[in-house]
Amino acid sequence: MSKPLHICVNYSEGLNYVERLRSVQERYPEGRLCALVPAGYPISATEKALVDEVMEAEQAHYSPREFRACWAHVRRIRAARFDCFIVVFRSPQLRLLAALSGAPRCECWGADNEILPLSRSVPVALLARLLHAVRGRLVYARVWMSVHLWPVHATKRPEV
């Protein structure tokens, strides 16, 4: 008999974390689930019942500007040697965290339980983060130009 998968489900605000944990438990009934939650997160009795262990992060939020704290967080995740790392939101930062986790399998579980495999390649995740930032700057520039450089012409309203 093979050993059960060691699965980490990263907490993300905005989605029902309990539902994601239930979905993961249904898909991997033999897996050992670990909930990775932010510091000070009040884990409920329901969440405790669904997981085998809880790993609490040292901080509530991490910023790429705080490199040492981020790297310490990644080292703790890598030290746990997860077989599968699951995020529940497909942001560039979470895709990078999944790639850095060292897990052989990385997945993103959407709100409708759609499972998307994530790249384990750190350069691909870094490139996605960079492209996301560039796209955001371009959209901002376009909005700024439309407000400041391209005047809105007055139009006649049709008479009713």
Foldseek 3Di string as FASTA:
>chain_A
DDQAFAEEEEDDPDADPLVVLVLVCVVRVRHAYEYEAEPPDPDDPSNVVSHPYYHYQPHRDDDVVPVVSVVVRLVVLLVVAGQEYEYADPDLVVLLSRLSSNHPWYWYQYRVRDIDTGDNDNVVSVVRNVVVVVVVVVVVVVVVCCVPPPDDDDDDDDDD
